[in-house]
Amino acid sequence: MLTREALVAYGANVQEGLGRCLNNEAFYLRLVGMLKDDGHVAQLRAALDRKDLKGAFEAAHALKGSLSNLALTPVLKPVMEMTELLREGRDMDYSELMSEVQTQWDRLMDMINS
């Protein structure tokens, strides 16, 4: 079960995320839980595989917005870095950053699905 304590242990800034949800913990946890239906990580990976930097930027930017609002720092940090590189249109190897995004996303999904 997804809990505030699990998110703190994950490294999320729960206080910040709660503040954006008017300190309604149930609402905050419900929003975090809704990320399991978010397809932006898969869209980001697919766009990078196609070398579609514009599509990758759009997916990363959308993901960044959701993660920022919920203050999910461990996955947010590599997404933010990737977003800014993609915003610049930098054609580079994103595999290391994508690996970190996927690792942190998987950790988050494990918490949500437990």
N, C-alpha and C. Protein backbone atom coordinates (compact mmCIF):
# COMPACT_ATOMS: atom_id res chain seq x y z
N MET A 1 0.84 -1.19 0.00
CA MET A 1 0.00 0.00 0.00
C MET A 1 0.88 1.25 0.00
N LEU A 2 0.53 2.19 -0.82
CA LEU A 2 1.26 3.44 -0.90
C LEU A 2 0.99 4.27 0.35
N THR A 3 2.06 4.69 1.00
CA THR A 3 1.92 5.50 2.21
C THR A 3 2.85 6.71 2.15
N ARG A 4 2.54 7.64 2.97
CA ARG A 4 3.38 8.83 3.11
C ARG A 4 4.80 8.42 3.51
N GLU A 5 4.90 7.50 4.46
CA GLU A 5 6.20 7.05 4.96
C GLU A 5 7.02 6.38 3.86
N ALA A 6 6.36 5.60 3.02
CA ALA A 6 7.07 4.95 1.91
C ALA A 6 7.61 5.99 0.94
N LEU A 7 6.83 7.03 0.68
CA LEU A 7 7.28 8.09 -0.24
C LEU A 7 8.44 8.88 0.36
N VAL A 8 8.40 9.11 1.67
CA VAL A 8 9.52 9.79 2.33
C VAL A 8 10.77 8.93 2.21
N ALA A 9 10.64 7.62 2.47
CA ALA A 9 11.78 6.71 2.36
C ALA A 9 12.32 6.67 0.93
N TYR A 10 11.44 6.82 -0.05
CA TYR A 10 11.83 6.86 -1.46
C TYR A 10 12.65 8.11 -1.77
N GLY A 11 12.42 9.17 -1.02
CA GLY A 11 13.14 10.42 -1.23
C GLY A 11 12.28 11.55 -1.73
N ALA A 12 10.96 11.33 -1.77
CA ALA A 12 10.04 12.38 -2.21
C ALA A 12 9.97 13.48 -1.16
N ASN A 13 9.76 14.69 -1.60
CA ASN A 13 9.54 15.81 -0.68
C ASN A 13 8.03 15.87 -0.42
N VAL A 14 7.59 14.99 0.45
CA VAL A 14 6.15 14.83 0.70
C VAL A 14 5.53 16.11 1.23
N GLN A 15 6.24 16.82 2.09
CA GLN A 15 5.68 18.08 2.63
C GLN A 15 5.37 19.06 1.50
N GLU A 16 6.27 19.17 0.55
CA GLU A 16 6.06 20.07 -0.58
C GLU A 16 4.86 19.60 -1.42
N GLY A 17 4.83 18.32 -1.72
CA GLY A 17 3.72 17.77 -2.49
C GLY A 17 2.39 17.94 -1.79
N LEU A 18 2.39 17.69 -0.49
CA LEU A 18 1.16 17.87 0.29
C LEU A 18 0.71 19.32 0.27
N GLY A 19 1.67 20.23 0.35
CA GLY A 19 1.33 21.66 0.31
C GLY A 19 0.59 22.02 -0.97
N ARG A 20 0.92 21.40 -2.06
CA ARG A 20 0.24 21.66 -3.33
C ARG A 20 -1.15 21.02 -3.36
N CYS A 21 -1.39 20.12 -2.41
CA CYS A 21 -2.70 19.43 -2.32
C CYS A 21 -3.47 19.90 -1.09
N LEU A 22 -3.19 21.12 -0.66
CA LEU A 22 -3.86 21.71 0.50
C LEU A 22 -3.74 20.82 1.74
N ASN A 23 -2.61 20.13 1.86
CA ASN A 23 -2.31 19.24 2.97
C ASN A 23 -3.32 18.10 3.13
N ASN A 24 -3.95 17.73 2.04
CA ASN A 24 -4.90 16.62 2.04
C ASN A 24 -4.13 15.36 1.64
N GLU A 25 -3.73 14.58 2.63
CA GLU A 25 -2.88 13.42 2.38
C GLU A 25 -3.55 12.39 1.48
N ALA A 26 -4.82 12.13 1.70
CA ALA A 26 -5.53 11.14 0.89
C ALA A 26 -5.54 11.57 -0.58
N PHE A 27 -5.75 12.86 -0.83
CA PHE A 27 -5.76 13.39 -2.20
C PHE A 27 -4.37 13.26 -2.82
N TYR A 28 -3.35 13.62 -2.06
CA TYR A 28 -1.98 13.53 -2.52
C TYR A 28 -1.63 12.08 -2.91
N LEU A 29 -1.92 11.15 -2.03
CA LEU A 29 -1.62 9.75 -2.30
C LEU A 29 -2.41 9.24 -3.50
N ARG A 30 -3.64 9.70 -3.65
CA ARG A 30 -4.44 9.30 -4.81
C ARG A 30 -3.80 9.81 -6.10
N LEU A 31 -3.32 11.06 -6.09
CA LEU A 31 -2.65 11.60 -7.29
C LEU A 31 -1.38 10.83 -7.61
N VAL A 32 -0.59 10.52 -6.60
CA VAL A 32 0.62 9.73 -6.83
C VAL A 32 0.23 8.38 -7.42
N GLY A 33 -0.79 7.76 -6.87
CA GLY A 33 -1.25 6.46 -7.36
C GLY A 33 -1.71 6.49 -8.80
N MET A 34 -2.24 7.62 -9.22
CA MET A 34 -2.72 7.75 -10.60
C MET A 34 -1.58 7.71 -11.61
N LEU A 35 -0.35 7.89 -11.16
CA LEU A 35 0.80 7.84 -12.08
C LEU A 35 0.96 6.47 -12.73
N LYS A 36 0.39 5.42 -12.11
CA LYS A 36 0.53 4.09 -12.71
C LYS A 36 -0.10 4.03 -14.09
N ASP A 37 -1.01 4.94 -14.38
CA ASP A 37 -1.67 5.00 -15.68
C ASP A 37 -1.03 6.03 -16.62
N ASP A 38 0.04 6.66 -16.16
CA ASP A 38 0.72 7.68 -16.96
C ASP A 38 1.64 6.99 -17.97
N GLY A 39 1.48 7.28 -19.22
CA GLY A 39 2.28 6.64 -20.26
C GLY A 39 3.48 7.43 -20.72
N HIS A 40 3.82 8.51 -20.05
CA HIS A 40 4.88 9.38 -20.55
C HIS A 40 6.27 8.76 -20.50
N VAL A 41 6.54 7.88 -19.55
CA VAL A 41 7.87 7.24 -19.52
C VAL A 41 8.02 6.36 -20.76
N ALA A 42 6.99 5.60 -21.08
CA ALA A 42 7.04 4.75 -22.28
C ALA A 42 7.13 5.61 -23.54
N GLN A 43 6.39 6.71 -23.59
CA GLN A 43 6.45 7.61 -24.74
C GLN A 43 7.83 8.23 -24.88
N LEU A 44 8.44 8.59 -23.76
CA LEU A 44 9.79 9.16 -23.77
C LEU A 44 10.78 8.15 -24.32
N ARG A 45 10.73 6.93 -23.80
CA ARG A 45 11.64 5.89 -24.28
C ARG A 45 11.46 5.64 -25.78
N ALA A 46 10.21 5.52 -26.22
CA ALA A 46 9.93 5.25 -27.64
C ALA A 46 10.43 6.39 -28.52
N ALA A 47 10.20 7.62 -28.09
CA ALA A 47 10.65 8.77 -28.88
C ALA A 47 12.18 8.80 -28.96
N LEU A 48 12.85 8.51 -27.87
CA LEU A 48 14.31 8.46 -27.90
C LEU A 48 14.81 7.34 -28.80
N ASP A 49 14.14 6.20 -28.76
CA ASP A 49 14.52 5.09 -29.64
C ASP A 49 14.40 5.47 -31.11
N ARG A 50 13.40 6.33 -31.42
CA ARG A 50 13.19 6.79 -32.81
C ARG A 50 14.05 8.01 -33.15
N LYS A 51 14.80 8.49 -32.17
CA LYS A 51 15.59 9.73 -32.35
C LYS A 51 14.69 10.94 -32.61
N ASP A 52 13.47 10.89 -32.07
CA ASP A 52 12.49 11.96 -32.20
C ASP A 52 12.66 12.89 -31.00
N LEU A 53 13.56 13.87 -31.12
CA LEU A 53 13.86 14.75 -30.01
C LEU A 53 12.68 15.62 -29.61
N LYS A 54 11.89 16.04 -30.59
CA LYS A 54 10.70 16.86 -30.27
C LYS A 54 9.69 16.04 -29.48
N GLY A 55 9.42 14.83 -29.92
CA GLY A 55 8.49 13.96 -29.20
C GLY A 55 9.02 13.59 -27.82
N ALA A 56 10.32 13.36 -27.73
CA ALA A 56 10.93 13.05 -26.43
C ALA A 56 10.80 14.24 -25.49
N PHE A 57 11.04 15.44 -26.02
CA PHE A 57 10.90 16.64 -25.18
C PHE A 57 9.46 16.76 -24.67
N GLU A 58 8.50 16.57 -25.55
CA GLU A 58 7.09 16.71 -25.14
C GLU A 58 6.74 15.71 -24.04
N ALA A 59 7.20 14.47 -24.17
CA ALA A 59 6.93 13.46 -23.14
C ALA A 59 7.64 13.80 -21.84
N ALA A 60 8.91 14.19 -21.93
CA ALA A 60 9.68 14.53 -20.73
C ALA A 60 9.09 15.75 -20.03
N HIS A 61 8.68 16.73 -20.80
CA HIS A 61 8.12 17.95 -20.22
C HIS A 61 6.81 17.66 -19.50
N ALA A 62 5.96 16.85 -20.09
CA ALA A 62 4.70 16.49 -19.44
C ALA A 62 4.97 15.71 -18.15
N LEU A 63 5.90 14.78 -18.22
CA LEU A 63 6.25 13.99 -17.05
C LEU A 63 6.82 14.87 -15.95
N LYS A 64 7.66 15.80 -16.34
CA LYS A 64 8.26 16.73 -15.39
C LYS A 64 7.19 17.51 -14.64
N GLY A 65 6.15 17.93 -15.33
CA GLY A 65 5.08 18.68 -14.68
C GLY A 65 4.39 17.87 -13.61
N SER A 66 4.04 16.64 -13.93
CA SER A 66 3.37 15.77 -12.95
C SER A 66 4.27 15.50 -11.75
N LEU A 67 5.51 15.14 -12.03
CA LEU A 67 6.44 14.79 -10.96
C LEU A 67 6.78 15.99 -10.09
N SER A 68 6.86 17.16 -10.70
CA SER A 68 7.16 18.39 -9.94
C SER A 68 6.03 18.71 -8.99
N ASN A 69 4.82 18.65 -9.47
CA ASN A 69 3.67 18.96 -8.63
C ASN A 69 3.58 18.03 -7.43
N LEU A 70 4.00 16.79 -7.61
CA LEU A 70 3.92 15.80 -6.53
C LEU A 70 5.23 15.69 -5.75
N ALA A 71 6.24 16.46 -6.17
CA ALA A 71 7.54 16.52 -5.49
C ALA A 71 8.18 15.15 -5.35
N LEU A 72 8.16 14.38 -6.44
CA LEU A 72 8.74 13.03 -6.45
C LEU A 72 10.19 13.11 -6.92
N THR A 73 11.03 13.64 -6.07
CA THR A 73 12.39 14.05 -6.35
C THR A 73 13.27 12.99 -7.02
N PRO A 74 13.28 11.73 -6.56
CA PRO A 74 14.22 10.78 -7.18
C PRO A 74 14.02 10.58 -8.68
N VAL A 75 12.81 10.55 -9.14
CA VAL A 75 12.57 10.40 -10.58
C VAL A 75 12.52 11.77 -11.25
N LEU A 76 12.15 12.79 -10.51
CA LEU A 76 12.07 14.13 -11.08
C LEU A 76 13.45 14.65 -11.52
N LYS A 77 14.49 14.43 -10.72
CA LYS A 77 15.81 14.99 -11.05
C LYS A 77 16.32 14.57 -12.43
N PRO A 78 16.35 13.27 -12.75
CA PRO A 78 16.83 12.93 -14.10
C PRO A 78 15.87 13.38 -15.19
N VAL A 79 14.58 13.42 -14.91
CA VAL A 79 13.62 13.90 -15.91
C VAL A 79 13.85 15.38 -16.18
N MET A 80 14.12 16.16 -15.14
CA MET A 80 14.39 17.59 -15.33
C MET A 80 15.64 17.80 -16.17
N GLU A 81 16.68 17.05 -15.88
CA GLU A 81 17.92 17.17 -16.64
C GLU A 81 17.68 16.83 -18.11
N MET A 82 16.96 15.74 -18.33
CA MET A 82 16.67 15.32 -19.69
C MET A 82 15.81 16.35 -20.41
N THR A 83 14.83 16.89 -19.72
CA THR A 83 13.94 17.89 -20.32
C THR A 83 14.72 19.08 -20.84
N GLU A 84 15.65 19.57 -20.04
CA GLU A 84 16.41 20.76 -20.45
C GLU A 84 17.34 20.45 -21.62
N LEU A 85 17.95 19.28 -21.64
CA LEU A 85 18.79 18.89 -22.77
C LEU A 85 17.95 18.76 -24.04
N LEU A 86 16.78 18.17 -23.90
CA LEU A 86 15.90 18.01 -25.06
C LEU A 86 15.34 19.35 -25.52
N ARG A 87 15.08 20.24 -24.58
CA ARG A 87 14.60 21.59 -24.93
C ARG A 87 15.60 22.28 -25.85
N GLU A 88 16.88 22.05 -25.57
CA GLU A 88 17.95 22.63 -26.39
C GLU A 88 18.11 21.89 -27.72
N GLY A 89 17.42 20.76 -27.86
CA GLY A 89 17.53 19.96 -29.07
C GLY A 89 18.84 19.21 -29.17
N ARG A 90 19.43 18.94 -28.02
CA ARG A 90 20.73 18.29 -28.01
C ARG A 90 20.63 16.83 -28.46
N ASP A 91 21.29 16.54 -29.56
CA ASP A 91 21.32 15.18 -30.11
C ASP A 91 22.49 14.46 -29.44
N MET A 92 22.17 13.59 -28.49
CA MET A 92 23.20 12.92 -27.71
C MET A 92 22.69 11.55 -27.27
N ASP A 93 23.52 10.84 -26.57
CA ASP A 93 23.13 9.54 -26.02
C ASP A 93 22.41 9.78 -24.69
N TYR A 94 21.13 9.49 -24.66
CA TYR A 94 20.31 9.70 -23.47
C TYR A 94 20.16 8.41 -22.65
N SER A 95 20.89 7.36 -23.02
CA SER A 95 20.65 6.06 -22.39
C SER A 95 20.92 6.06 -20.89
N GLU A 96 21.95 6.76 -20.43
CA GLU A 96 22.24 6.79 -19.00
C GLU A 96 21.13 7.51 -18.23
N LEU A 97 20.71 8.64 -18.74
CA LEU A 97 19.62 9.37 -18.08
C LEU A 97 18.32 8.56 -18.13
N MET A 98 18.05 7.95 -19.27
CA MET A 98 16.83 7.16 -19.40
C MET A 98 16.86 5.97 -18.45
N SER A 99 18.02 5.39 -18.26
CA SER A 99 18.16 4.28 -17.33
C SER A 99 17.84 4.72 -15.91
N GLU A 100 18.32 5.89 -15.52
CA GLU A 100 18.03 6.43 -14.18
C GLU A 100 16.55 6.74 -14.03
N VAL A 101 15.96 7.34 -15.05
CA VAL A 101 14.51 7.59 -15.02
C VAL A 101 13.77 6.28 -14.83
N GLN A 102 14.11 5.27 -15.62
CA GLN A 102 13.41 3.99 -15.55
C GLN A 102 13.58 3.33 -14.19
N THR A 103 14.80 3.37 -13.65
CA THR A 103 15.05 2.77 -12.34
C THR A 103 14.20 3.43 -11.26
N GLN A 104 14.20 4.76 -11.25
CA GLN A 104 13.42 5.48 -10.24
C GLN A 104 11.92 5.32 -10.47
N TRP A 105 11.51 5.29 -11.72
CA TRP A 105 10.09 5.09 -12.05
C TRP A 105 9.65 3.70 -11.57
N ASP A 106 10.48 2.69 -11.82
CA ASP A 106 10.14 1.34 -11.39
C ASP A 106 10.03 1.25 -9.87
N ARG A 107 10.91 1.91 -9.17
CA ARG A 107 10.82 1.95 -7.69
C ARG A 107 9.50 2.56 -7.26
N LEU A 108 9.12 3.66 -7.92
CA LEU A 108 7.87 4.32 -7.59
C LEU A 108 6.67 3.43 -7.90
N MET A 109 6.72 2.78 -9.06
CA MET A 109 5.62 1.89 -9.45
C MET A 109 5.49 0.70 -8.49
N ASP A 110 6.63 0.20 -8.01
CA ASP A 110 6.59 -0.89 -7.03
C ASP A 110 5.84 -0.46 -5.77
N MET A 111 6.09 0.77 -5.33
CA MET A 111 5.38 1.29 -4.14
C MET A 111 3.89 1.44 -4.43
N ILE A 112 3.57 1.97 -5.58
CA ILE A 112 2.17 2.20 -5.92
C ILE A 112 1.43 0.88 -6.03
N ASN A 113 2.06 -0.12 -6.62
CA ASN A 113 1.40 -1.39 -6.87
C ASN A 113 1.45 -2.37 -5.71
N SER A 114 2.16 -2.01 -4.64
CA SER A 114 2.27 -2.95 -3.52
C SER A 114 1.04 -2.94 -2.62
